[in-house]
Amino acid sequence: MALRHRLVASPAFQRWAASFPPTRGIARRNTRALFDLCAGFVYAQVLLACVQLDLFGLLRGGPMGLGALAQRLALPPERAERLLRAAAALRLVAALPDGRYALADLGAALLGNPSVSAMIAHHAMLYDDLRDPVALLRGEAGPTRLAGYWGYAGAGDPRDLRDGEVAPYGGLMAASQALVAEDILDACPLARHARLLDIGGGEGAFAVAALRRHPALRLTLFDLPAVAARASARFAAEGLGARAQALGGSFHDGLPGGADAACLVRVVHDHDDGPALALMRAAHAALAPGGRLLLAEPMAGTPGAEPVGDAYFGFYLLAMGSGRPRTARVLAGMLAEAGFRDVREVATRRPLLVRLLTARRSC
């Protein structure tokens, strides 16, 4: 490997590899990959501009010409063209032979997933926190915007957070949970369970999906008091108040019992190892004997999506100030340490977005 790395680092070898037919394709792909890493922030800002200007919404009804788009975007024609050409290069829109622009598959997909657009806008805070990544790694960056946004990550006592402090992140969390709720429920139906305990369920996006899917299911959502109050209002608005209740508190004081199933949907990776293990133990204690736990979140080491876990979530959670991405194997070990048995992974439709572990409470 050392010899290989010395060869790859040699400018003379790089020139040879780029011209030698058997290695030319590899050299070009590596060159493109390295450049994409350097330019990734620019690509992300092009995407952000498209979202902020509602370019995809403008094209929802069909192709439009440059002049009409420039007027709707409130941009000079030459600047609008620059944005449109950049978006076309990123396969967000398509440049048609007649000079008009239309949605491409990626842009159309964003229209069908408003939660992704919300995350794109939210990333402005993450980029600000990553201006000096070395300072962030060394703990010298000071308070981050993400720590302030996710109030429970930096609050002295998260139970003291008020509605205005939880509303912004509550909405974003609800959007991200809604994106994966059906994938989780398709992989692991809850028809045989009578009561579900949704731990850290936010404003109830997953809870509502589960209740709609299973009309006989009853549910208790547990989260911080201000968040639980918002979930309770949502249950009432959805006409689900008779089957769902939302309770507020801290899992350090114990979780409500009586459920034969519990779920942790995109919750564990927000916590450092000690609190995460304590959360699993609290879930074990709350479940009825033989009860089942569902742990669902993006995981490190996902084949084909390795950068999502260790690069994206690794640095996002570092900026947030709490939590870390974990592999399915590490999470399974923690569940076993918390007292669970029969830990296994259940395949989901889109493992890049969410993977699922199930476990049972030992009797």
Protein backbone atom coordinates (compact mmCIF):
# COMPACT_ATOMS: atom_id res chain seq x y z
CA MET A 1 0.00 0.00 0.00
CA ALA A 2 2.87 2.37 0.75
CA LEU A 3 4.28 1.78 -2.74
CA ARG A 4 0.85 2.35 -4.26
CA HIS A 5 0.42 5.63 -2.39
CA ARG A 6 3.85 6.86 -3.46
CA LEU A 7 2.94 6.12 -7.07
CA VAL A 8 -0.47 7.82 -6.86
CA ALA A 9 1.13 10.89 -5.26
CA SER A 10 3.70 11.22 -8.05
CA PRO A 11 2.80 13.91 -10.66
CA ALA A 12 4.62 11.87 -13.31
CA PHE A 13 2.52 8.79 -12.52
CA GLN A 14 -0.67 10.89 -12.54
CA ARG A 15 0.12 12.18 -16.04
CA TRP A 16 0.89 8.66 -17.23
CA ALA A 17 -2.29 7.20 -15.67
CA ALA A 18 -4.40 9.93 -17.30
CA SER A 19 -3.08 9.03 -20.75
CA PHE A 20 -2.69 5.22 -20.50
CA PRO A 21 -5.95 3.69 -21.89
CA PRO A 22 -6.46 0.99 -19.18
CA THR A 23 -6.10 3.54 -16.34
CA ARG A 24 -7.48 6.66 -18.04
CA GLY A 25 -11.03 6.12 -16.82
CA ILE A 26 -9.92 5.55 -13.22
CA ALA A 27 -7.75 8.67 -13.28
CA ARG A 28 -10.58 10.80 -14.62
CA ARG A 29 -13.06 9.49 -12.06
CA ASN A 30 -10.62 10.17 -9.23
CA THR A 31 -9.94 13.66 -10.56
CA ARG A 32 -13.66 14.38 -10.69
CA ALA A 33 -14.22 12.95 -7.19
CA LEU A 34 -11.45 15.10 -5.72
CA PHE A 35 -12.76 18.21 -7.45
CA ASP A 36 -16.30 17.49 -6.23
CA LEU A 37 -14.97 17.33 -2.68
CA CYS A 38 -13.33 20.73 -3.15
CA ALA A 39 -16.42 22.26 -4.78
CA GLY A 40 -19.11 20.60 -2.67
CA PHE A 41 -19.94 23.76 -0.73
CA VAL A 42 -20.56 25.64 -3.98
CA TYR A 43 -22.87 22.91 -5.23
CA ALA A 44 -24.79 23.03 -1.95
CA GLN A 45 -25.18 26.81 -2.21
CA VAL A 46 -26.52 26.49 -5.76
CA LEU A 47 -29.11 24.08 -4.37
CA LEU A 48 -29.91 26.48 -1.53
CA ALA A 49 -30.44 29.34 -4.00
CA CYS A 50 -32.83 27.16 -6.02
CA VAL A 51 -34.82 26.36 -2.88
CA GLN A 52 -34.89 29.93 -1.58
CA LEU A 53 -36.01 31.27 -4.96
CA ASP A 54 -38.57 28.43 -5.36
CA LEU A 55 -37.16 27.53 -8.77
CA PHE A 56 -38.57 23.99 -8.63
CA GLY A 57 -42.01 25.28 -7.70
CA LEU A 58 -41.94 27.68 -10.64
CA LEU A 59 -41.20 24.79 -13.00
CA ARG A 60 -43.85 22.53 -11.48
CA GLY A 61 -46.36 23.47 -14.17
CA GLY A 62 -44.02 22.85 -17.09
CA PRO A 63 -40.98 24.24 -18.94
CA MET A 64 -40.32 27.99 -18.96
CA GLY A 65 -38.07 30.26 -20.96
CA LEU A 66 -35.20 32.28 -19.57
CA GLY A 67 -37.00 35.61 -19.78
CA ALA A 68 -40.07 34.43 -17.90
CA LEU A 69 -37.96 32.67 -15.27
CA ALA A 70 -35.70 35.68 -14.75
CA GLN A 71 -38.77 37.83 -14.12
CA ARG A 72 -40.31 35.34 -11.68
CA LEU A 73 -36.98 34.87 -9.90
CA ALA A 74 -36.45 38.64 -9.67
CA LEU A 75 -32.96 38.23 -11.14
CA PRO A 76 -31.24 39.95 -14.06
CA PRO A 77 -31.42 37.62 -17.09
CA GLU A 78 -27.67 36.94 -17.11
CA ARG A 79 -27.72 36.01 -13.40
CA ALA A 80 -30.79 33.85 -13.85
CA GLU A 81 -29.05 32.06 -16.71
CA ARG A 82 -26.00 31.48 -14.52
CA LEU A 83 -28.16 29.87 -11.84
CA LEU A 84 -30.11 27.79 -14.37
CA ARG A 85 -26.97 26.50 -16.05
CA ALA A 86 -25.50 25.59 -12.67
CA ALA A 87 -28.71 23.81 -11.68
CA ALA A 88 -28.72 21.95 -15.00
CA ALA A 89 -25.10 20.87 -14.47
CA LEU A 90 -26.14 19.45 -11.10
CA ARG A 91 -29.09 17.64 -12.75
CA LEU A 92 -31.64 19.63 -10.76
CA VAL A 93 -33.21 21.08 -13.91
CA ALA A 94 -32.87 20.20 -17.59
CA ALA A 95 -32.00 22.58 -20.42
CA LEU A 96 -34.28 21.78 -23.38
CA PRO A 97 -33.23 22.11 -27.04
CA ASP A 98 -35.65 25.01 -27.57
CA GLY A 99 -33.93 27.09 -24.87
CA ARG A 100 -36.49 26.51 -22.14
CA TYR A 101 -35.79 24.90 -18.77
CA ALA A 102 -37.72 22.04 -17.15
CA LEU A 103 -37.56 20.05 -13.95
CA ALA A 104 -35.08 17.18 -13.89
CA ASP A 105 -35.60 14.13 -11.70
CA LEU A 106 -33.71 15.53 -8.70
CA GLY A 107 -35.63 18.79 -8.75
CA ALA A 108 -38.93 16.94 -9.09
CA ALA A 109 -37.99 14.67 -6.18
CA LEU A 110 -37.47 17.72 -3.98
CA LEU A 111 -41.00 18.90 -4.76
CA GLY A 112 -42.31 15.60 -3.42
CA ASN A 113 -40.22 15.83 -0.24
CA PRO A 114 -40.68 19.25 1.38
CA SER A 115 -38.78 18.04 4.44
CA VAL A 116 -35.62 17.85 2.30
CA SER A 117 -36.06 21.47 1.27
CA ALA A 118 -36.47 22.38 4.94
CA MET A 119 -33.19 20.62 5.73
CA ILE A 120 -31.43 22.42 2.87
CA ALA A 121 -32.48 25.78 4.31
CA HIS A 122 -31.55 24.62 7.81
CA HIS A 123 -28.00 23.81 6.70
CA ALA A 124 -27.13 27.51 6.64
CA MET A 125 -26.51 27.17 10.38
CA LEU A 126 -24.37 24.06 9.94
CA TYR A 127 -22.20 25.76 7.31
CA ASP A 128 -21.71 28.71 9.64
CA ASP A 129 -20.59 26.37 12.43
CA LEU A 130 -18.15 24.63 10.06
CA ARG A 131 -16.35 27.80 8.96
CA ASP A 132 -13.37 26.68 11.05
CA PRO A 133 -13.60 22.88 11.28
CA VAL A 134 -10.27 22.55 13.09
CA ALA A 135 -11.43 24.91 15.84
CA LEU A 136 -14.63 22.87 16.11
CA LEU A 137 -12.64 19.64 16.41
CA ARG A 138 -10.40 21.15 19.09
CA GLY A 139 -13.32 22.52 21.06
CA GLU A 140 -12.18 26.08 20.46
CA ALA A 141 -15.06 27.29 18.27
CA GLY A 142 -17.24 28.56 21.12
CA PRO A 143 -21.04 28.28 21.14
CA THR A 144 -22.42 26.96 17.86
CA ARG A 145 -25.63 27.97 16.12
CA LEU A 146 -26.79 24.35 16.02
CA ALA A 147 -26.41 23.97 19.79
CA GLY A 148 -28.62 27.01 20.21
CA TYR A 149 -31.13 25.72 17.68
CA TRP A 150 -31.48 22.26 19.22
CA GLY A 151 -32.33 23.63 22.65
CA TYR A 152 -32.12 20.30 24.48
CA ALA A 153 -28.50 19.85 23.35
CA GLY A 154 -27.24 22.92 25.20
CA ALA A 155 -29.89 23.72 27.82
CA GLY A 156 -29.10 23.42 31.52
CA ASP A 157 -32.35 21.56 32.13
CA PRO A 158 -34.18 20.80 28.88
CA ARG A 159 -37.45 20.45 30.79
CA ASP A 160 -37.41 24.23 31.29
CA LEU A 161 -37.56 24.93 27.54
CA ARG A 162 -40.63 26.88 26.45
CA ASP A 163 -42.79 26.59 23.36
CA GLY A 164 -40.95 29.30 21.45
CA GLU A 165 -37.65 27.53 22.03
CA VAL A 166 -38.81 24.11 20.82
CA ALA A 167 -41.10 25.17 17.95
CA PRO A 168 -38.37 25.70 15.29
CA TYR A 169 -36.62 22.37 15.79
CA GLY A 170 -39.90 20.62 16.50
CA GLY A 171 -41.15 21.44 13.03
CA LEU A 172 -37.93 20.29 11.39
CA MET A 173 -37.93 17.06 13.42
CA ALA A 174 -41.54 16.42 12.44
CA ALA A 175 -40.66 16.84 8.77
CA SER A 176 -37.67 14.48 9.00
CA GLN A 177 -39.70 11.83 10.87
CA ALA A 178 -42.49 12.00 8.34
CA LEU A 179 -39.92 11.28 5.62
CA VAL A 180 -39.04 7.88 7.14
CA ALA A 181 -42.20 6.90 9.03
CA GLU A 182 -43.73 4.81 6.25
CA ASP A 183 -40.42 3.04 5.59
CA ILE A 184 -40.25 1.99 9.25
CA LEU A 185 -43.87 0.88 9.41
CA ASP A 186 -43.57 -1.08 6.17
CA ALA A 187 -40.51 -2.90 7.52
CA CYS A 188 -41.97 -3.57 10.95
CA PRO A 189 -45.79 -3.46 11.15
CA LEU A 190 -47.29 -2.90 14.61
CA ALA A 191 -50.60 -4.70 14.10
CA ARG A 192 -49.97 -7.24 16.84
CA HIS A 193 -49.21 -4.58 19.46
CA ALA A 194 -51.79 -2.91 21.69
CA ARG A 195 -49.89 0.16 22.95
CA LEU A 196 -46.83 1.93 21.58
CA LEU A 197 -44.55 4.17 23.64
CA ASP A 198 -43.00 6.74 21.29
CA ILE A 199 -39.92 7.96 23.16
CA GLY A 200 -38.64 11.35 22.05
CA GLY A 201 -41.45 11.42 19.50
CA GLY A 202 -41.35 15.18 18.98
CA GLU A 203 -44.56 16.69 17.66
CA GLY A 204 -45.96 13.29 16.73
CA ALA A 205 -45.19 12.79 13.04
CA PHE A 206 -44.27 9.11 13.46
CA ALA A 207 -47.01 8.60 16.04
CA VAL A 208 -49.71 9.90 13.68
CA ALA A 209 -48.44 7.67 10.86
CA ALA A 210 -48.51 4.63 13.17
CA LEU A 211 -52.01 5.41 14.44
CA ARG A 212 -53.32 5.92 10.92
CA ARG A 213 -51.76 2.65 9.78
CA HIS A 214 -53.12 0.63 12.75
CA PRO A 215 -56.61 1.75 13.84
CA ALA A 216 -56.61 -0.46 16.96
CA LEU A 217 -53.28 0.84 18.26
CA ARG A 218 -53.12 3.12 21.29
CA LEU A 219 -50.11 5.32 21.87
CA THR A 220 -48.23 7.32 24.48
CA LEU A 221 -45.72 9.89 23.27
CA PHE A 222 -43.03 11.01 25.70
CA ASP A 223 -40.87 14.08 25.19
CA LEU A 224 -39.90 17.31 26.90
CA PRO A 225 -42.92 19.10 28.39
CA ALA A 226 -43.05 21.91 25.79
CA VAL A 227 -42.70 19.41 22.94
CA ALA A 228 -45.31 17.05 24.41
CA ALA A 229 -47.77 19.94 24.60
CA ARG A 230 -47.34 20.55 20.87
CA ALA A 231 -47.80 16.82 20.18
CA SER A 232 -50.99 16.78 22.25
CA ALA A 233 -52.39 19.65 20.20
CA ARG A 234 -51.56 17.79 17.00
CA PHE A 235 -53.29 14.62 18.18
CA ALA A 236 -56.40 16.64 18.92
CA ALA A 237 -56.26 18.39 15.52
CA GLU A 238 -55.87 15.03 13.76
CA GLY A 239 -58.85 13.56 15.61
CA LEU A 240 -56.63 11.05 17.41
CA GLY A 241 -56.98 12.34 20.96
CA ALA A 242 -59.00 9.31 22.06
CA ARG A 243 -56.17 6.91 21.16
CA ALA A 244 -53.08 9.01 21.85
CA GLN A 245 -51.70 10.92 24.79
CA ALA A 246 -48.53 13.00 25.09
CA LEU A 247 -46.63 13.16 28.37
CA GLY A 248 -43.78 15.51 29.22
CA GLY A 249 -40.72 14.91 31.37
CA SER A 250 -37.17 13.55 31.31
CA PHE A 251 -36.27 9.94 30.64
CA HIS A 252 -33.74 10.22 33.50
CA ASP A 253 -36.75 10.16 35.82
CA GLY A 254 -38.19 7.07 34.15
CA LEU A 255 -40.60 6.46 31.28
CA PRO A 256 -44.33 5.68 31.48
CA GLY A 257 -45.05 1.96 31.56
CA GLY A 258 -47.80 -0.21 30.18
CA ALA A 259 -46.69 -0.47 26.54
CA ASP A 260 -45.91 -3.72 24.74
CA ALA A 261 -43.87 -1.84 22.10
CA ALA A 262 -41.62 1.21 22.20
CA CYS A 263 -39.78 3.15 19.54
CA LEU A 264 -36.76 5.44 19.34
CA VAL A 265 -36.99 7.13 15.95
CA ARG A 266 -33.93 9.26 15.16
CA VAL A 267 -33.29 9.82 18.85
CA VAL A 268 -30.32 7.74 20.02
CA HIS A 269 -27.72 9.31 17.71
CA ASP A 270 -28.48 12.70 19.31
CA HIS A 271 -27.02 11.50 22.61
CA ASP A 272 -23.52 10.71 23.80
CA ASP A 273 -22.81 7.14 24.89
CA GLY A 274 -23.69 7.52 28.58
CA PRO A 275 -27.10 9.17 28.06
CA ALA A 276 -27.84 6.90 25.08
CA LEU A 277 -27.28 3.79 27.19
CA ALA A 278 -29.36 5.28 30.02
CA LEU A 279 -32.15 5.94 27.51
CA MET A 280 -32.07 2.32 26.34
CA ARG A 281 -32.19 1.09 29.94
CA ALA A 282 -35.16 3.35 30.66
CA ALA A 283 -36.95 1.94 27.61
CA HIS A 284 -36.22 -1.59 28.81
CA ALA A 285 -37.64 -0.83 32.25
CA ALA A 286 -40.78 0.76 30.79
CA LEU A 287 -41.69 -2.10 28.45
CA ALA A 288 -43.87 -4.99 29.50
CA PRO A 289 -42.02 -8.36 29.72
CA GLY A 290 -41.40 -9.59 26.20
CA GLY A 291 -42.16 -6.15 24.77
CA ARG A 292 -40.46 -5.06 21.57
CA LEU A 293 -38.27 -2.01 20.96
CA LEU A 294 -37.79 -0.39 17.54
CA LEU A 295 -34.63 1.69 17.15
CA ALA A 296 -34.60 3.54 13.84
CA GLU A 297 -32.07 6.08 12.58
CA PRO A 298 -29.34 6.62 9.97
CA MET A 299 -26.35 4.52 10.95
CA ALA A 300 -22.64 4.70 10.34
CA GLY A 301 -21.12 2.12 8.02
CA THR A 302 -24.23 1.76 5.83
CA PRO A 303 -23.01 0.10 2.59
CA GLY A 304 -23.10 2.59 -0.25
CA ALA A 305 -23.83 5.49 2.10
CA GLU A 306 -20.72 5.61 4.28
CA PRO A 307 -20.26 9.40 3.95
CA VAL A 308 -23.78 10.01 5.27
CA GLY A 309 -23.04 8.41 8.63
CA ASP A 310 -19.46 9.26 9.47
CA ALA A 311 -18.93 12.46 7.46
CA TYR A 312 -22.30 14.24 7.46
CA PHE A 313 -23.80 13.11 10.76
CA GLY A 314 -20.38 12.94 12.40
CA PHE A 315 -19.80 16.66 11.91
CA TYR A 316 -23.45 17.71 12.23
CA LEU A 317 -23.68 16.15 15.70
CA LEU A 318 -20.27 17.56 16.63
CA ALA A 319 -21.53 21.05 15.81
CA MET A 320 -24.76 20.31 17.66
CA GLY A 321 -22.71 19.43 20.73
CA SER A 322 -24.28 16.06 21.50
CA GLY A 323 -24.34 12.56 20.04
CA ARG A 324 -22.45 10.61 17.43
CA PRO A 325 -23.22 8.24 14.54
CA ARG A 326 -22.98 4.55 15.45
CA THR A 327 -22.87 1.36 13.44
CA ALA A 328 -25.62 -1.22 13.73
CA ARG A 329 -23.15 -3.48 15.53
CA VAL A 330 -22.35 -0.86 18.16
CA LEU A 331 -26.04 -0.12 18.72
CA ALA A 332 -26.80 -3.83 19.03
CA GLY A 333 -24.10 -4.14 21.68
CA MET A 334 -25.55 -1.22 23.62
CA LEU A 335 -29.03 -2.72 23.46
CA ALA A 336 -27.70 -6.00 24.82
CA GLU A 337 -25.92 -4.11 27.61
CA ALA A 338 -29.22 -2.38 28.43
CA GLY A 339 -30.85 -5.80 28.93
CA PHE A 340 -32.49 -6.43 25.56
CA ARG A 341 -32.33 -9.76 23.77
CA ASP A 342 -33.02 -11.03 20.25
CA VAL A 343 -31.49 -7.92 18.72
CA ARG A 344 -31.70 -8.03 14.93
CA GLU A 345 -31.77 -5.71 11.97
CA VAL A 346 -34.85 -5.48 9.76
CA ALA A 347 -34.25 -4.29 6.21
CA THR A 348 -35.80 -0.94 5.27
CA ARG A 349 -36.61 0.45 1.84
CA ARG A 350 -34.06 3.29 2.01
CA PRO A 351 -31.24 2.41 4.44
CA LEU A 352 -29.44 5.64 3.55
CA LEU A 353 -32.23 7.51 5.36
CA VAL A 354 -33.07 5.04 8.11
CA ARG A 355 -32.07 1.58 9.29
CA LEU A 356 -34.02 -0.40 11.85
CA LEU A 357 -33.05 -2.61 14.78
CA THR A 358 -35.61 -4.52 16.81
CA ALA A 359 -35.07 -6.05 20.25
CA ARG A 360 -37.13 -7.63 23.02
CA ARG A 361 -37.22 -6.97 26.71
CA SER A 362 -35.94 -9.93 28.67
CA CYS A 363 -38.53 -11.38 31.03
